[in-house]
């Protein structure tokens, strides 16, 4: 079921013309950069766009220039997981697994998920309840499974000098970027799947926690986007 649905959604995304993808993508990124959660975030985990995904490459430098700490994933093939590394400039990216751009400078750049404020998540499809259909490899499922047991964000601390309020680690806010063509009525999910908090499309911002959508108008053309 998931495999068939994934193939169908990817074909649907792939047939969007390059011009339309660029126009839609610019609106999506503009909405993202205007979100309060994004504006408040100091440390953001982005994905490096590939093939027909919503383009993120062109906005990474803008985020860095405006003082955001930007990290990207790098595939650890041996352990089949994603490692996170901060980049200071988009020139530090190089083709990695499957040709997807990955951080090339690793020494002293490793980032922990607990230090991330916002995670910008890719995917093949989503529903308005926050369920995500990935690409089948399970990399993001494994990465995000680490926050499942955070609960209210209280981490165990052996140091008795710390109170519960002082050991609170907020769960990173999960934002998915998608074209409207990728939003479907229901994504098959399992009880342990981590849900997305908000989905940004070219037409709306979906607040998954309220199982509804909130429209935010974006004025102006998509050419020469001023993100801030």
N, C-alpha and C. Protein backbone atom coordinates (compact mmCIF):
# COMPACT_ATOMS: atom_id res chain seq x y z
N UNK A 1 0.83 -1.21 0.00
CA UNK A 1 0.00 0.00 0.00
C UNK A 1 0.86 1.27 0.00
N UNK A 2 1.82 1.32 0.94
CA UNK A 2 2.68 2.50 1.02
C UNK A 2 3.53 2.65 -0.24
N UNK A 3 4.03 1.53 -0.75
CA UNK A 3 4.88 1.58 -1.94
C UNK A 3 4.10 2.12 -3.13
N UNK A 4 2.88 1.63 -3.31
CA UNK A 4 2.04 2.08 -4.43
C UNK A 4 1.72 3.56 -4.28
N UNK A 5 1.35 3.96 -3.07
CA UNK A 5 1.00 5.35 -2.81
C UNK A 5 2.20 6.27 -3.03
N UNK A 6 3.36 5.80 -2.59
CA UNK A 6 4.60 6.58 -2.76
C UNK A 6 4.89 6.80 -4.25
N UNK A 7 4.82 5.74 -5.02
CA UNK A 7 5.09 5.84 -6.46
C UNK A 7 4.10 6.79 -7.14
N UNK A 8 2.85 6.71 -6.74
CA UNK A 8 1.81 7.55 -7.32
C UNK A 8 2.07 9.03 -7.01
N UNK A 9 2.42 9.31 -5.76
CA UNK A 9 2.66 10.70 -5.35
C UNK A 9 3.92 11.27 -5.98
N UNK A 10 4.96 10.45 -6.10
CA UNK A 10 6.20 10.93 -6.72
C UNK A 10 5.99 11.23 -8.20
N UNK A 11 5.21 10.39 -8.87
CA UNK A 11 4.90 10.64 -10.29
C UNK A 11 4.11 11.94 -10.43
N UNK A 12 3.20 12.14 -9.50
CA UNK A 12 2.38 13.35 -9.50
C UNK A 12 3.24 14.59 -9.31
N UNK A 13 4.24 14.48 -8.44
CA UNK A 13 5.15 15.60 -8.19
C UNK A 13 6.08 15.81 -9.37
N UNK A 14 6.54 14.73 -9.95
CA UNK A 14 7.51 14.82 -11.05
C UNK A 14 6.94 15.49 -12.30
N UNK A 15 5.62 15.37 -12.50
CA UNK A 15 5.05 15.94 -13.73
C UNK A 15 4.76 17.44 -13.62
N UNK A 16 4.96 18.00 -12.44
CA UNK A 16 4.84 19.46 -12.32
C UNK A 16 5.99 20.07 -13.10
N UNK A 17 5.70 20.99 -13.98
CA UNK A 17 6.76 21.59 -14.80
C UNK A 17 7.79 22.31 -13.92
N UNK A 18 9.00 22.42 -14.43
CA UNK A 18 10.06 23.09 -13.69
C UNK A 18 9.67 24.52 -13.34
N UNK A 19 9.07 25.21 -14.28
CA UNK A 19 8.66 26.60 -14.03
C UNK A 19 7.64 26.66 -12.89
N UNK A 20 6.65 25.76 -12.93
CA UNK A 20 5.63 25.74 -11.89
C UNK A 20 6.24 25.37 -10.53
N UNK A 21 7.16 24.40 -10.55
CA UNK A 21 7.81 23.99 -9.30
C UNK A 21 8.57 25.15 -8.68
N UNK A 22 9.26 25.92 -9.51
CA UNK A 22 10.02 27.05 -9.01
C UNK A 22 9.09 28.12 -8.43
N UNK A 23 7.99 28.37 -9.13
CA UNK A 23 7.02 29.36 -8.66
C UNK A 23 6.38 28.93 -7.34
N UNK A 24 5.92 27.69 -7.31
CA UNK A 24 5.29 27.15 -6.10
C UNK A 24 6.30 27.10 -4.96
N UNK A 25 7.52 26.64 -5.28
CA UNK A 25 8.56 26.51 -4.26
C UNK A 25 8.92 27.85 -3.63
N UNK A 26 8.96 28.90 -4.45
CA UNK A 26 9.28 30.23 -3.92
C UNK A 26 8.22 30.70 -2.93
N UNK A 27 6.95 30.42 -3.23
CA UNK A 27 5.86 30.77 -2.32
C UNK A 27 5.95 29.97 -1.02
N UNK A 28 6.30 28.70 -1.14
CA UNK A 28 6.43 27.84 0.03
C UNK A 28 7.53 28.34 0.95
N UNK A 29 8.69 28.64 0.37
CA UNK A 29 9.81 29.12 1.18
C UNK A 29 9.49 30.47 1.81
N UNK A 30 8.79 31.32 1.08
CA UNK A 30 8.41 32.62 1.63
C UNK A 30 7.50 32.44 2.84
N UNK A 31 6.55 31.53 2.75
CA UNK A 31 5.68 31.24 3.89
C UNK A 31 6.49 30.70 5.06
N UNK A 32 7.41 29.79 4.76
CA UNK A 32 8.24 29.19 5.81
C UNK A 32 9.00 30.26 6.57
N UNK A 33 9.67 31.15 5.84
CA UNK A 33 10.50 32.17 6.48
C UNK A 33 9.68 33.19 7.27
N UNK A 34 8.38 33.25 7.02
CA UNK A 34 7.52 34.19 7.74
C UNK A 34 6.84 33.56 8.95
N UNK A 35 6.99 32.27 9.13
CA UNK A 35 6.38 31.58 10.27
C UNK A 35 7.05 32.00 11.57
N UNK A 36 6.26 32.19 12.61
CA UNK A 36 6.82 32.61 13.90
C UNK A 36 7.78 31.56 14.45
N UNK A 37 7.45 30.28 14.24
CA UNK A 37 8.32 29.20 14.74
C UNK A 37 9.69 29.26 14.07
N UNK A 38 9.69 29.60 12.78
CA UNK A 38 10.95 29.69 12.04
C UNK A 38 11.72 30.93 12.45
N UNK A 39 11.02 32.05 12.60
CA UNK A 39 11.69 33.29 12.98
C UNK A 39 12.35 33.18 14.35
N UNK A 40 11.69 32.51 15.28
CA UNK A 40 12.21 32.39 16.65
C UNK A 40 13.35 31.37 16.75
N UNK A 41 13.40 30.44 15.82
CA UNK A 41 14.39 29.36 15.88
C UNK A 41 15.81 29.88 15.69
N UNK A 42 16.71 29.38 16.51
CA UNK A 42 18.13 29.72 16.37
C UNK A 42 18.85 28.65 15.56
N UNK A 43 18.46 27.39 15.78
CA UNK A 43 19.12 26.26 15.12
C UNK A 43 18.08 25.48 14.31
N UNK A 44 18.34 25.32 13.02
CA UNK A 44 17.37 24.68 12.12
C UNK A 44 18.02 23.54 11.34
N UNK A 45 17.35 22.41 11.32
CA UNK A 45 17.80 21.29 10.49
C UNK A 45 17.02 21.34 9.18
N UNK A 46 17.72 21.58 8.09
CA UNK A 46 17.12 21.60 6.75
C UNK A 46 17.42 20.29 6.05
N UNK A 47 16.73 20.05 4.96
CA UNK A 47 17.14 18.98 4.04
C UNK A 47 17.64 19.65 2.77
N UNK A 48 18.55 19.01 2.08
CA UNK A 48 19.03 19.53 0.79
C UNK A 48 18.15 18.93 -0.29
N UNK A 49 17.44 19.77 -1.01
CA UNK A 49 16.46 19.29 -1.98
C UNK A 49 17.12 18.49 -3.11
N UNK A 50 16.33 17.54 -3.62
CA UNK A 50 16.82 16.62 -4.65
C UNK A 50 15.68 16.34 -5.63
N UNK A 51 16.02 16.27 -6.90
CA UNK A 51 15.05 16.00 -7.96
C UNK A 51 13.89 16.99 -7.88
N UNK A 52 12.64 16.49 -7.74
CA UNK A 52 11.48 17.38 -7.82
C UNK A 52 10.97 17.86 -6.47
N UNK A 53 11.78 17.72 -5.42
CA UNK A 53 11.38 18.21 -4.11
C UNK A 53 11.28 19.74 -4.11
N UNK A 54 10.57 20.28 -3.13
CA UNK A 54 10.56 21.73 -2.94
C UNK A 54 12.00 22.18 -2.74
N UNK A 55 12.45 23.12 -3.57
CA UNK A 55 13.85 23.55 -3.56
C UNK A 55 14.20 24.28 -2.27
N UNK A 56 15.22 23.77 -1.58
CA UNK A 56 15.70 24.43 -0.36
C UNK A 56 17.10 25.01 -0.54
N UNK A 57 17.81 24.57 -1.55
CA UNK A 57 19.21 24.97 -1.72
C UNK A 57 19.36 26.48 -1.80
N UNK A 58 18.47 27.13 -2.55
CA UNK A 58 18.61 28.57 -2.76
C UNK A 58 18.29 29.41 -1.52
N UNK A 59 17.63 28.82 -0.53
CA UNK A 59 17.28 29.60 0.66
C UNK A 59 18.23 29.36 1.83
N UNK A 60 19.09 28.36 1.73
CA UNK A 60 20.00 28.04 2.83
C UNK A 60 20.91 29.21 3.16
N UNK A 61 21.49 29.81 2.12
CA UNK A 61 22.42 30.92 2.35
C UNK A 61 21.70 32.11 2.98
N UNK A 62 20.45 32.34 2.56
CA UNK A 62 19.67 33.44 3.14
C UNK A 62 19.46 33.23 4.63
N UNK A 63 19.18 32.00 5.02
CA UNK A 63 18.98 31.69 6.43
C UNK A 63 20.27 31.89 7.22
N UNK A 64 21.39 31.44 6.66
CA UNK A 64 22.68 31.60 7.32
C UNK A 64 23.03 33.07 7.47
N UNK A 65 22.81 33.84 6.41
CA UNK A 65 23.11 35.27 6.41
C UNK A 65 22.33 36.00 7.50
N UNK A 66 21.12 35.54 7.77
CA UNK A 66 20.28 36.18 8.78
C UNK A 66 20.46 35.56 10.17
N UNK A 67 21.58 34.90 10.38
CA UNK A 67 21.95 34.47 11.72
C UNK A 67 21.44 33.13 12.19
N UNK A 68 20.83 32.35 11.32
CA UNK A 68 20.37 31.02 11.70
C UNK A 68 21.53 30.02 11.66
N UNK A 69 21.55 29.14 12.64
CA UNK A 69 22.51 28.03 12.61
C UNK A 69 21.85 26.90 11.80
N UNK A 70 22.43 26.59 10.66
CA UNK A 70 21.83 25.63 9.74
C UNK A 70 22.61 24.32 9.73
N UNK A 71 21.89 23.23 9.97
CA UNK A 71 22.49 21.90 9.89
C UNK A 71 21.80 21.10 8.79
N UNK A 72 22.53 20.17 8.21
CA UNK A 72 21.97 19.28 7.19
C UNK A 72 22.37 17.84 7.51
N UNK A 73 21.59 16.88 7.04
CA UNK A 73 21.92 15.48 7.31
C UNK A 73 22.96 14.92 6.34
N UNK A 74 23.70 13.96 6.84
CA UNK A 74 24.65 13.20 6.02
C UNK A 74 24.38 11.73 6.29
N UNK A 75 24.22 10.94 5.24
CA UNK A 75 23.88 9.53 5.39
C UNK A 75 25.10 8.72 5.86
N UNK A 76 24.89 8.00 6.96
CA UNK A 76 25.88 7.04 7.44
C UNK A 76 25.43 5.67 6.91
N UNK A 77 26.00 5.25 5.79
CA UNK A 77 25.54 4.02 5.13
C UNK A 77 25.77 2.78 5.99
N UNK A 78 26.87 2.76 6.71
CA UNK A 78 27.19 1.58 7.52
C UNK A 78 26.14 1.35 8.60
N UNK A 79 25.75 2.42 9.28
CA UNK A 79 24.76 2.30 10.36
C UNK A 79 23.34 2.65 9.90
N UNK A 80 23.20 2.97 8.62
CA UNK A 80 21.90 3.29 8.03
C UNK A 80 21.14 4.33 8.86
N UNK A 81 21.79 5.45 9.05
CA UNK A 81 21.17 6.53 9.82
C UNK A 81 21.68 7.87 9.32
N UNK A 82 21.05 8.93 9.77
CA UNK A 82 21.46 10.28 9.40
C UNK A 82 22.29 10.90 10.51
N UNK A 83 23.41 11.47 10.12
CA UNK A 83 24.23 12.25 11.04
C UNK A 83 24.04 13.72 10.68
N UNK A 84 24.04 14.58 11.68
CA UNK A 84 23.75 16.00 11.44
C UNK A 84 24.99 16.85 11.61
N UNK A 85 25.20 17.77 10.65
CA UNK A 85 26.37 18.64 10.68
C UNK A 85 25.97 20.06 10.30
N UNK A 86 26.53 21.02 11.01
CA UNK A 86 26.26 22.43 10.72
C UNK A 86 27.09 22.88 9.52
N UNK A 87 26.50 23.74 8.71
CA UNK A 87 27.25 24.34 7.60
C UNK A 87 27.28 25.85 7.81
N UNK A 88 28.37 26.47 7.40
CA UNK A 88 28.53 27.92 7.52
C UNK A 88 28.26 28.62 6.19
N UNK A 89 28.27 27.82 5.11
CA UNK A 89 28.08 28.37 3.77
C UNK A 89 27.66 27.23 2.84
N UNK A 90 26.87 27.54 1.84
CA UNK A 90 26.42 26.48 0.93
C UNK A 90 27.56 25.91 0.09
N UNK A 91 28.68 26.61 0.04
CA UNK A 91 29.85 26.09 -0.69
C UNK A 91 30.44 24.87 0.01
N UNK A 92 30.01 24.62 1.25
CA UNK A 92 30.51 23.48 2.01
C UNK A 92 29.73 22.20 1.70
N UNK A 93 28.78 22.27 0.80
CA UNK A 93 28.01 21.09 0.41
C UNK A 93 28.66 20.38 -0.77
N UNK A 94 28.55 19.06 -0.77
CA UNK A 94 29.10 18.25 -1.87
C UNK A 94 28.16 17.07 -2.11
N UNK A 95 28.11 16.55 -3.35
CA UNK A 95 27.24 15.41 -3.64
C UNK A 95 27.56 14.23 -2.72
N UNK A 96 26.51 13.67 -2.12
CA UNK A 96 26.69 12.54 -1.22
C UNK A 96 25.89 11.34 -1.69
N UNK A 97 25.20 10.69 -0.78
CA UNK A 97 24.40 9.51 -1.09
C UNK A 97 23.36 9.83 -2.17
N UNK A 98 23.36 9.07 -3.24
CA UNK A 98 22.44 9.24 -4.37
C UNK A 98 22.58 10.60 -5.05
N UNK A 99 23.71 11.27 -4.81
CA UNK A 99 23.93 12.57 -5.42
C UNK A 99 23.31 13.73 -4.66
N UNK A 100 22.69 13.44 -3.51
CA UNK A 100 22.06 14.49 -2.70
C UNK A 100 23.15 15.31 -2.01
N UNK A 101 23.08 16.64 -2.06
CA UNK A 101 24.09 17.48 -1.40
C UNK A 101 24.15 17.21 0.10
N UNK A 102 25.37 17.04 0.60
CA UNK A 102 25.59 16.78 2.02
C UNK A 102 26.74 17.65 2.53
N UNK A 103 26.80 17.87 3.85
CA UNK A 103 27.92 18.63 4.42
C UNK A 103 29.24 17.92 4.12
N UNK A 104 30.22 18.69 3.68
CA UNK A 104 31.53 18.12 3.35
C UNK A 104 32.55 18.36 4.46
N UNK A 105 32.34 19.40 5.27
CA UNK A 105 33.23 19.69 6.39
C UNK A 105 32.60 19.12 7.66
N UNK A 106 33.24 18.12 8.25
CA UNK A 106 32.65 17.40 9.38
C UNK A 106 33.30 17.71 10.72
N UNK A 107 34.60 17.94 10.72
CA UNK A 107 35.31 18.16 11.98
C UNK A 107 34.76 19.37 12.73
N UNK A 108 34.34 19.14 13.96
CA UNK A 108 33.84 20.21 14.81
C UNK A 108 32.48 20.74 14.43
N UNK A 109 31.78 20.05 13.53
CA UNK A 109 30.49 20.55 13.04
C UNK A 109 29.30 19.65 13.43
N UNK A 110 29.55 18.58 14.14
CA UNK A 110 28.48 17.64 14.46
C UNK A 110 27.41 18.30 15.33
N UNK A 111 26.16 18.02 15.01
CA UNK A 111 25.02 18.60 15.72
C UNK A 111 24.15 17.49 16.29
N UNK A 112 23.61 17.71 17.48
CA UNK A 112 22.69 16.75 18.09
C UNK A 112 21.25 17.22 17.88
N UNK A 113 20.34 16.28 17.71
CA UNK A 113 18.94 16.63 17.48
C UNK A 113 18.37 17.44 18.64
N UNK A 114 18.84 17.18 19.84
CA UNK A 114 18.34 17.90 21.02
C UNK A 114 18.66 19.39 20.97
N UNK A 115 19.63 19.76 20.14
CA UNK A 115 20.02 21.17 20.03
C UNK A 115 19.32 21.89 18.87
N UNK A 116 18.44 21.18 18.19
CA UNK A 116 17.73 21.74 17.04
C UNK A 116 16.37 22.30 17.48
N UNK A 117 16.04 23.49 17.03
CA UNK A 117 14.75 24.11 17.36
C UNK A 117 13.66 23.74 16.36
N UNK A 118 14.02 23.72 15.08
CA UNK A 118 13.06 23.41 14.01
C UNK A 118 13.68 22.40 13.05
N UNK A 119 12.91 21.39 12.69
CA UNK A 119 13.33 20.42 11.68
C UNK A 119 12.45 20.59 10.45
N UNK A 120 13.07 20.90 9.31
CA UNK A 120 12.34 21.02 8.05
C UNK A 120 12.43 19.67 7.34
N UNK A 121 11.28 19.02 7.19
CA UNK A 121 11.24 17.62 6.77
C UNK A 121 10.76 17.45 5.33
N UNK A 122 11.45 16.60 4.55
CA UNK A 122 10.98 16.27 3.20
C UNK A 122 10.04 15.06 3.26
N UNK A 123 9.44 14.72 2.15
CA UNK A 123 8.59 13.54 2.11
C UNK A 123 7.90 13.39 0.77
N UNK A 124 7.36 12.20 0.54
CA UNK A 124 6.63 11.95 -0.71
C UNK A 124 5.20 12.46 -0.61
N UNK A 125 4.62 12.36 0.60
CA UNK A 125 3.24 12.79 0.78
C UNK A 125 2.91 13.02 2.24
N UNK A 126 1.82 13.74 2.48
CA UNK A 126 1.40 14.07 3.84
C UNK A 126 -0.12 14.16 3.88
N UNK A 127 -0.69 14.05 5.10
CA UNK A 127 -2.10 14.39 5.28
C UNK A 127 -2.19 15.51 6.32
N UNK A 128 -3.37 16.11 6.45
CA UNK A 128 -3.50 17.28 7.32
C UNK A 128 -3.41 16.95 8.80
N UNK A 129 -3.35 15.66 9.13
CA UNK A 129 -3.22 15.25 10.52
C UNK A 129 -1.77 15.09 10.95
N UNK A 130 -0.86 15.36 10.03
CA UNK A 130 0.56 15.31 10.37
C UNK A 130 1.25 14.01 10.04
N UNK A 131 0.55 13.10 9.40
CA UNK A 131 1.17 11.83 9.00
C UNK A 131 2.01 12.04 7.75
N UNK A 132 3.17 11.42 7.73
CA UNK A 132 4.14 11.61 6.64
C UNK A 132 4.42 10.29 5.94
N UNK A 133 4.48 10.34 4.62
CA UNK A 133 4.92 9.19 3.83
C UNK A 133 6.30 9.51 3.31
N UNK A 134 7.30 8.76 3.78
CA UNK A 134 8.68 9.01 3.39
C UNK A 134 9.03 8.33 2.07
N UNK A 135 10.32 8.16 1.86
CA UNK A 135 10.78 7.59 0.59
C UNK A 135 11.09 6.10 0.68
N UNK A 136 10.88 5.52 1.85
CA UNK A 136 11.03 4.08 1.98
C UNK A 136 12.29 3.60 2.68
N UNK A 137 13.30 4.47 2.80
CA UNK A 137 14.55 4.05 3.44
C UNK A 137 14.47 4.13 4.96
N UNK A 138 13.57 4.94 5.47
CA UNK A 138 13.39 5.03 6.91
C UNK A 138 14.37 5.91 7.65
N UNK A 139 15.18 6.69 6.92
CA UNK A 139 16.20 7.51 7.58
C UNK A 139 15.59 8.56 8.51
N UNK A 140 14.58 9.27 8.04
CA UNK A 140 13.96 10.29 8.88
C UNK A 140 13.14 9.68 10.00
N UNK A 141 12.53 8.51 9.75
CA UNK A 141 11.80 7.82 10.80
C UNK A 141 12.73 7.48 11.96
N UNK A 142 13.92 6.99 11.62
CA UNK A 142 14.90 6.65 12.66
C UNK A 142 15.38 7.89 13.38
N UNK A 143 15.64 8.95 12.62
CA UNK A 143 16.12 10.19 13.23
C UNK A 143 15.08 10.75 14.19
N UNK A 144 13.84 10.84 13.75
CA UNK A 144 12.80 11.46 14.56
C UNK A 144 12.29 10.56 15.67
N UNK A 145 12.55 9.26 15.58
CA UNK A 145 12.12 8.35 16.65
C UNK A 145 12.80 8.71 17.96
N UNK A 146 13.91 9.43 17.86
CA UNK A 146 14.64 9.83 19.07
C UNK A 146 13.87 10.79 19.95
N UNK A 147 12.86 11.47 19.38
CA UNK A 147 12.09 12.43 20.17
C UNK A 147 10.82 11.82 20.74
N UNK A 148 10.53 10.57 20.39
CA UNK A 148 9.29 9.95 20.82
C UNK A 148 9.19 9.86 22.33
N UNK A 149 10.30 9.59 22.99
CA UNK A 149 10.30 9.39 24.43
C UNK A 149 10.60 10.67 25.21
N UNK A 150 10.67 11.78 24.50
CA UNK A 150 10.96 13.03 25.21
C UNK A 150 9.77 13.48 26.03
N UNK A 151 8.55 13.08 25.60
CA UNK A 151 7.37 13.49 26.33
C UNK A 151 7.26 15.00 26.39
N UNK A 152 7.28 15.53 27.60
CA UNK A 152 7.22 16.98 27.78
C UNK A 152 8.59 17.61 27.61
N UNK A 153 9.56 16.79 27.29
CA UNK A 153 10.89 17.33 27.07
C UNK A 153 11.78 17.21 28.28
N UNK A 154 11.34 16.47 29.31
CA UNK A 154 12.15 16.34 30.52
C UNK A 154 13.16 15.23 30.33
N UNK A 155 14.41 15.57 30.38
CA UNK A 155 15.48 14.60 30.21
C UNK A 155 15.97 14.14 31.57
N UNK A 156 16.44 12.93 31.62
CA UNK A 156 17.00 12.42 32.87
C UNK A 156 18.31 13.12 33.16
N UNK A 157 18.47 13.52 34.41
CA UNK A 157 19.71 14.17 34.83
C UNK A 157 20.18 13.53 36.13
N UNK A 158 21.42 13.09 36.17
CA UNK A 158 21.98 12.49 37.37
C UNK A 158 22.38 13.56 38.38
N UNK A 159 22.61 14.77 37.89
CA UNK A 159 23.01 15.87 38.76
C UNK A 159 21.81 16.33 39.57
N UNK A 160 21.84 16.13 40.88
CA UNK A 160 20.70 16.44 41.74
C UNK A 160 20.49 17.93 41.91
N UNK A 161 21.44 18.74 41.46
CA UNK A 161 21.29 20.18 41.58
C UNK A 161 20.30 20.74 40.56
N UNK A 162 19.95 19.93 39.55
CA UNK A 162 19.02 20.37 38.51
C UNK A 162 17.59 20.03 38.90
N UNK A 163 16.68 20.98 38.73
CA UNK A 163 15.26 20.72 38.93
C UNK A 163 14.67 20.27 37.61
N UNK A 164 13.44 19.79 37.63
CA UNK A 164 12.79 19.33 36.39
C UNK A 164 12.69 20.45 35.38
N UNK A 165 12.35 21.65 35.86
CA UNK A 165 12.19 22.77 34.94
C UNK A 165 13.50 23.14 34.28
N UNK A 166 14.61 22.88 34.97
CA UNK A 166 15.91 23.22 34.42
C UNK A 166 16.42 22.17 33.45
N UNK A 167 15.84 20.97 33.49
CA UNK A 167 16.31 19.90 32.62
C UNK A 167 15.35 19.67 31.45
N UNK A 168 14.49 20.63 31.22
CA UNK A 168 13.49 20.49 30.16
C UNK A 168 14.12 20.76 28.78
N UNK A 169 13.99 19.80 27.90
CA UNK A 169 14.48 19.96 26.53
C UNK A 169 13.29 19.96 25.58
N UNK A 170 12.90 21.10 25.04
CA UNK A 170 11.72 21.15 24.17
C UNK A 170 11.90 20.28 22.93
N UNK A 171 10.82 19.64 22.53
CA UNK A 171 10.82 18.86 21.30
C UNK A 171 10.98 19.80 20.12
N UNK A 172 11.83 19.47 19.15
CA UNK A 172 11.96 20.35 17.98
C UNK A 172 10.64 20.42 17.22
N UNK A 173 10.37 21.57 16.66
CA UNK A 173 9.13 21.79 15.91
C UNK A 173 9.33 21.23 14.50
N UNK A 174 8.42 20.38 14.06
CA UNK A 174 8.57 19.70 12.78
C UNK A 174 7.72 20.36 11.70
N UNK A 175 8.38 20.83 10.65
CA UNK A 175 7.70 21.50 9.54
C UNK A 175 7.99 20.75 8.24
N UNK A 176 6.95 20.40 7.51
CA UNK A 176 7.12 19.74 6.22
C UNK A 176 6.86 20.75 5.10
N UNK A 177 7.65 20.65 4.04
CA UNK A 177 7.44 21.47 2.84
C UNK A 177 6.88 20.56 1.76
N UNK A 178 5.77 20.98 1.15
CA UNK A 178 5.14 20.13 0.14
C UNK A 178 4.32 20.95 -0.84
N UNK A 179 4.20 20.44 -2.05
CA UNK A 179 3.27 21.01 -3.02
C UNK A 179 1.88 20.49 -2.68
N UNK A 180 0.85 21.23 -3.08
CA UNK A 180 -0.53 20.80 -2.81
C UNK A 180 -0.79 19.41 -3.37
N UNK A 181 -0.11 19.07 -4.46
CA UNK A 181 -0.29 17.75 -5.08
C UNK A 181 0.14 16.61 -4.15
N UNK A 182 0.92 16.93 -3.13
CA UNK A 182 1.41 15.91 -2.21
C UNK A 182 0.52 15.71 -0.99
N UNK A 183 -0.51 16.54 -0.85
CA UNK A 183 -1.41 16.42 0.29
C UNK A 183 -2.56 15.49 -0.07
N UNK A 184 -2.74 14.44 0.70
CA UNK A 184 -3.78 13.46 0.43
C UNK A 184 -4.68 13.30 1.66
N UNK A 185 -5.87 12.71 1.50
CA UNK A 185 -6.80 12.59 2.62
C UNK A 185 -6.24 11.82 3.81
N UNK A 186 -5.52 10.74 3.56
CA UNK A 186 -5.00 9.94 4.67
C UNK A 186 -3.73 9.19 4.27
N UNK A 187 -2.70 9.35 5.08
CA UNK A 187 -1.45 8.60 4.90
C UNK A 187 -1.47 7.42 5.87
N UNK A 188 -1.24 6.20 5.39
CA UNK A 188 -1.18 5.05 6.31
C UNK A 188 -0.10 5.28 7.36
N UNK A 189 -0.46 5.10 8.62
CA UNK A 189 0.53 5.34 9.66
C UNK A 189 0.46 4.25 10.72
N UNK A 190 1.54 4.16 11.46
CA UNK A 190 1.61 3.24 12.58
C UNK A 190 1.64 4.06 13.86
N UNK A 191 1.24 3.44 14.96
CA UNK A 191 1.11 4.15 16.22
C UNK A 191 2.37 4.86 16.68
N UNK A 192 3.54 4.34 16.30
CA UNK A 192 4.79 4.92 16.79
C UNK A 192 5.32 6.02 15.88
N UNK A 193 4.66 6.28 14.76
CA UNK A 193 5.14 7.32 13.84
C UNK A 193 5.07 8.70 14.47
N UNK A 194 6.10 9.51 14.23
CA UNK A 194 6.13 10.88 14.72
C UNK A 194 5.36 11.77 13.76
N UNK A 195 4.47 12.59 14.29
CA UNK A 195 3.65 13.45 13.44
C UNK A 195 4.31 14.81 13.20
N UNK A 196 4.05 15.35 12.02
CA UNK A 196 4.50 16.69 11.65
C UNK A 196 3.62 17.72 12.37
N UNK A 197 4.22 18.84 12.78
CA UNK A 197 3.45 19.89 13.46
C UNK A 197 2.71 20.78 12.46
N UNK A 198 3.41 21.21 11.41
CA UNK A 198 2.79 22.05 10.39
C UNK A 198 3.32 21.68 9.01
N UNK A 199 2.47 21.83 8.01
CA UNK A 199 2.85 21.59 6.62
C UNK A 199 2.70 22.89 5.85
N UNK A 200 3.72 23.26 5.10
CA UNK A 200 3.68 24.49 4.31
C UNK A 200 3.56 24.13 2.84
N UNK A 201 2.51 24.62 2.19
CA UNK A 201 2.34 24.44 0.75
C UNK A 201 2.30 25.81 0.10
N UNK A 202 2.15 25.83 -1.22
CA UNK A 202 2.09 27.11 -1.93
C UNK A 202 0.79 27.85 -1.67
N UNK A 203 -0.21 27.17 -1.08
CA UNK A 203 -1.51 27.79 -0.86
C UNK A 203 -1.86 28.02 0.61
N UNK A 204 -1.22 27.30 1.50
CA UNK A 204 -1.64 27.36 2.91
C UNK A 204 -0.57 26.83 3.85
N UNK A 205 -0.83 27.07 5.13
CA UNK A 205 -0.05 26.44 6.19
C UNK A 205 -1.02 25.57 6.97
N UNK A 206 -0.77 24.29 6.98
CA UNK A 206 -1.65 23.34 7.66
C UNK A 206 -1.17 23.15 9.09
N UNK A 207 -2.04 23.48 10.04
CA UNK A 207 -1.74 23.23 11.45
C UNK A 207 -2.24 21.84 11.79
N UNK A 208 -1.33 20.89 11.81
CA UNK A 208 -1.71 19.48 11.95
C UNK A 208 -2.28 19.17 13.33
N UNK A 209 -1.91 19.94 14.33
CA UNK A 209 -2.39 19.67 15.69
C UNK A 209 -3.88 19.95 15.81
N UNK A 210 -4.39 20.82 14.99
CA UNK A 210 -5.82 21.13 15.04
C UNK A 210 -6.56 20.47 13.89
N UNK A 211 -5.86 19.60 13.16
CA UNK A 211 -6.43 18.85 12.04
C UNK A 211 -7.13 19.77 11.04
N UNK A 212 -6.55 20.90 10.83
CA UNK A 212 -7.16 21.84 9.90
C UNK A 212 -6.09 22.65 9.22
N UNK A 213 -6.51 23.64 8.49
CA UNK A 213 -5.55 24.47 7.78
C UNK A 213 -5.80 25.93 8.04
N UNK A 214 -4.75 26.69 7.96
CA UNK A 214 -4.82 28.12 8.16
C UNK A 214 -4.23 28.79 6.93
N UNK A 215 -5.03 29.62 6.27
CA UNK A 215 -4.56 30.27 5.05
C UNK A 215 -3.75 31.51 5.39
N UNK A 216 -2.63 31.65 4.74
CA UNK A 216 -1.82 32.85 4.90
C UNK A 216 -1.48 33.38 3.51
N UNK A 217 -1.98 34.56 3.20
CA UNK A 217 -1.73 35.12 1.88
C UNK A 217 -0.31 35.61 1.73
N UNK A 218 0.22 35.40 0.54
CA UNK A 218 1.54 35.91 0.21
C UNK A 218 1.40 36.80 -1.01
N UNK A 219 1.68 38.06 -0.86
CA UNK A 219 1.52 39.01 -1.95
C UNK A 219 2.81 39.13 -2.75
N UNK A 220 2.66 39.56 -3.96
CA UNK A 220 3.83 39.80 -4.80
C UNK A 220 4.19 38.60 -5.63
N UNK A 221 5.08 38.80 -6.55
CA UNK A 221 5.50 37.72 -7.45
C UNK A 221 6.55 36.87 -6.78
N UNK A 222 6.81 35.68 -7.35
CA UNK A 222 7.78 34.77 -6.78
C UNK A 222 9.18 35.04 -7.29
N UNK A 223 9.33 35.93 -8.25
CA UNK A 223 10.66 36.21 -8.78
C UNK A 223 11.46 37.08 -7.84
N UNK A 224 12.74 36.80 -7.68
CA UNK A 224 13.61 37.60 -6.82
C UNK A 224 13.08 37.66 -5.40
N UNK A 225 12.80 36.49 -4.82
CA UNK A 225 12.15 36.43 -3.52
C UNK A 225 13.00 37.07 -2.43
N UNK A 226 12.37 37.94 -1.64
CA UNK A 226 13.00 38.49 -0.43
C UNK A 226 12.41 37.72 0.74
N UNK A 227 13.17 36.79 1.30
CA UNK A 227 12.63 35.89 2.30
C UNK A 227 12.28 36.59 3.61
N UNK A 228 13.01 37.66 3.95
CA UNK A 228 12.78 38.31 5.24
C UNK A 228 12.15 39.69 5.04
